[in-house]
Amino acid sequence: MKDERFDGFTINLYFDGEHWLAHFLEMPEVSAYALSPENTLKELQCAWDMVKADYVESGEPVPVAPQRKQVA
């Protein structure tokens, strides 16, 4: 699943029998879970926003989805 809220990264969204889980395929450490798919994606958006802010605050470049990287 791709969603422009996530800057082109691919999202895995699945149900584990109790919660919905979502994470970036390319960065599985960026993840979230909730009781509904909608809330899980909202939580993932919050997590991604915080990860991006941390990169900026640290002076590091924000990761770019592989398909969005320009070929030299």
C-alpha atoms as a PDB file:
ATOM      1  CA  MET A   1       0.000   0.000   0.000  1.00  0.00           C
ATOM      2  CA  LYS A   2       1.309   3.445  -0.911  1.00  0.00           C
ATOM      3  CA  ASP A   3      -0.036   6.652   0.583  1.00  0.00           C
ATOM      4  CA  GLU A   4       1.270  10.137  -0.158  1.00  0.00           C
ATOM      5  CA  ARG A   5       1.068  10.979   3.562  1.00  0.00           C
ATOM      6  CA  PHE A   6       4.071   8.700   3.870  1.00  0.00           C
ATOM      7  CA  ASP A   7       6.224  10.338   1.189  1.00  0.00           C
ATOM      8  CA  GLY A   8       6.176   7.381  -1.177  1.00  0.00           C
ATOM      9  CA  PHE A   9       7.225   4.704   1.305  1.00  0.00           C
ATOM     10  CA  THR A  10       5.436   1.362   1.051  1.00  0.00           C
ATOM     11  CA  ILE A  11       3.214   0.472   4.012  1.00  0.00           C
ATOM     12  CA  ASN A  12       2.523  -3.030   5.301  1.00  0.00           C
ATOM     13  CA  LEU A  13      -0.842  -3.073   7.091  1.00  0.00           C
ATOM     14  CA  TYR A  14      -2.127  -6.269   8.646  1.00  0.00           C
ATOM     15  CA  PHE A  15      -4.293  -7.653  11.456  1.00  0.00           C
ATOM     16  CA  ASP A  16      -2.644  -9.887  14.049  1.00  0.00           C
ATOM     17  CA  GLY A  17      -5.912 -11.184  15.491  1.00  0.00           C
ATOM     18  CA  GLU A  18      -6.118  -8.423  18.078  1.00  0.00           C
ATOM     19  CA  HIS A  19      -4.606  -5.222  16.653  1.00  0.00           C
ATOM     20  CA  TRP A  20      -3.932  -3.671  13.289  1.00  0.00           C
ATOM     21  CA  LEU A  21      -0.218  -3.193  12.668  1.00  0.00           C
ATOM     22  CA  ALA A  22       1.464  -0.975  10.108  1.00  0.00           C
ATOM     23  CA  HIS A  23       5.087  -0.313   9.245  1.00  0.00           C
ATOM     24  CA  PHE A  24       7.197   0.984   6.408  1.00  0.00           C
ATOM     25  CA  LEU A  25       8.467  -1.839   4.240  1.00  0.00           C
ATOM     26  CA  GLU A  26      11.739   0.023   3.698  1.00  0.00           C
ATOM     27  CA  MET A  27      12.081   1.068   7.376  1.00  0.00           C
ATOM     28  CA  PRO A  28      10.291  -1.480   9.594  1.00  0.00           C
ATOM     29  CA  GLU A  29      11.346   0.407  12.712  1.00  0.00           C
ATOM     30  CA  VAL A  30       8.791   3.094  11.760  1.00  0.00           C
ATOM     31  CA  SER A  31       5.643   1.344  12.945  1.00  0.00           C
ATOM     32  CA  ALA A  32       2.339   1.699  14.777  1.00  0.00           C
ATOM     33  CA  TYR A  33      -0.614  -0.336  15.957  1.00  0.00           C
ATOM     34  CA  ALA A  34      -4.231   0.331  16.969  1.00  0.00           C
ATOM     35  CA  LEU A  35      -7.648  -1.335  17.047  1.00  0.00           C
ATOM     36  CA  SER A  36      -8.687  -0.152  13.570  1.00  0.00           C
ATOM     37  CA  PRO A  37      -6.828   0.271  10.283  1.00  0.00           C
ATOM     38  CA  GLU A  38      -7.750   3.968  10.173  1.00  0.00           C
ATOM     39  CA  ASN A  39      -6.333   4.662  13.634  1.00  0.00           C
ATOM     40  CA  THR A  40      -3.257   2.594  12.874  1.00  0.00           C
ATOM     41  CA  LEU A  41      -2.513   4.737   9.830  1.00  0.00           C
ATOM     42  CA  LYS A  42      -3.092   7.908  11.882  1.00  0.00           C
ATOM     43  CA  GLU A  43      -0.614   6.630  14.470  1.00  0.00           C
ATOM     44  CA  LEU A  44       1.869   5.740  11.746  1.00  0.00           C
ATOM     45  CA  GLN A  45       1.537   9.271  10.357  1.00  0.00           C
ATOM     46  CA  CYS A  46       2.354  10.685  13.814  1.00  0.00           C
ATOM     47  CA  ALA A  47       5.341   8.355  14.128  1.00  0.00           C
ATOM     48  CA  TRP A  48       6.613   9.317  10.675  1.00  0.00           C
ATOM     49  CA  ASP A  49       6.223  13.033  11.436  1.00  0.00           C
ATOM     50  CA  MET A  50       8.263  12.576  14.622  1.00  0.00           C
ATOM     51  CA  VAL A  51      10.950  10.575  12.809  1.00  0.00           C
ATOM     52  CA  LYS A  52      11.262  13.271  10.135  1.00  0.00           C
ATOM     53  CA  ALA A  53      11.439  16.014  12.791  1.00  0.00           C
ATOM     54  CA  ASP A  54      14.196  14.109  14.579  1.00  0.00           C
ATOM     55  CA  TYR A  55      16.249  13.854  11.380  1.00  0.00           C
ATOM     56  CA  VAL A  56      15.835  17.582  10.738  1.00  0.00           C
ATOM     57  CA  GLU A  57      16.673  18.465  14.352  1.00  0.00           C
ATOM     58  CA  SER A  58      19.790  16.302  14.145  1.00  0.00           C
ATOM     59  CA  GLY A  59      20.887  17.993  10.916  1.00  0.00           C
ATOM     60  CA  GLU A  60      20.583  14.754   8.960  1.00  0.00           C
ATOM     61  CA  PRO A  61      18.759  14.308   5.662  1.00  0.00           C
ATOM     62  CA  VAL A  62      15.267  12.837   5.891  1.00  0.00           C
ATOM     63  CA  PRO A  63      15.180   9.374   4.267  1.00  0.00           C
ATOM     64  CA  VAL A  64      13.745   9.263   0.761  1.00  0.00           C
ATOM     65  CA  ALA A  65      11.644   6.392  -0.565  1.00  0.00           C
ATOM     66  CA  PRO A  66      13.685   4.293  -3.012  1.00  0.00           C
ATOM     67  CA  GLN A  67      11.351   4.980  -5.925  1.00  0.00           C
ATOM     68  CA  ARG A  68      11.696   8.737  -5.322  1.00  0.00           C
ATOM     69  CA  LYS A  69      15.476   8.800  -5.423  1.00  0.00           C
ATOM     70  CA  GLN A  70      16.815  10.343  -8.589  1.00  0.00           C
ATOM     71  CA  VAL A  71      19.003   8.150 -10.712  1.00  0.00           C
ATOM     72  CA  ALA A  72      22.366   9.818 -11.360  1.00  0.00           C
END
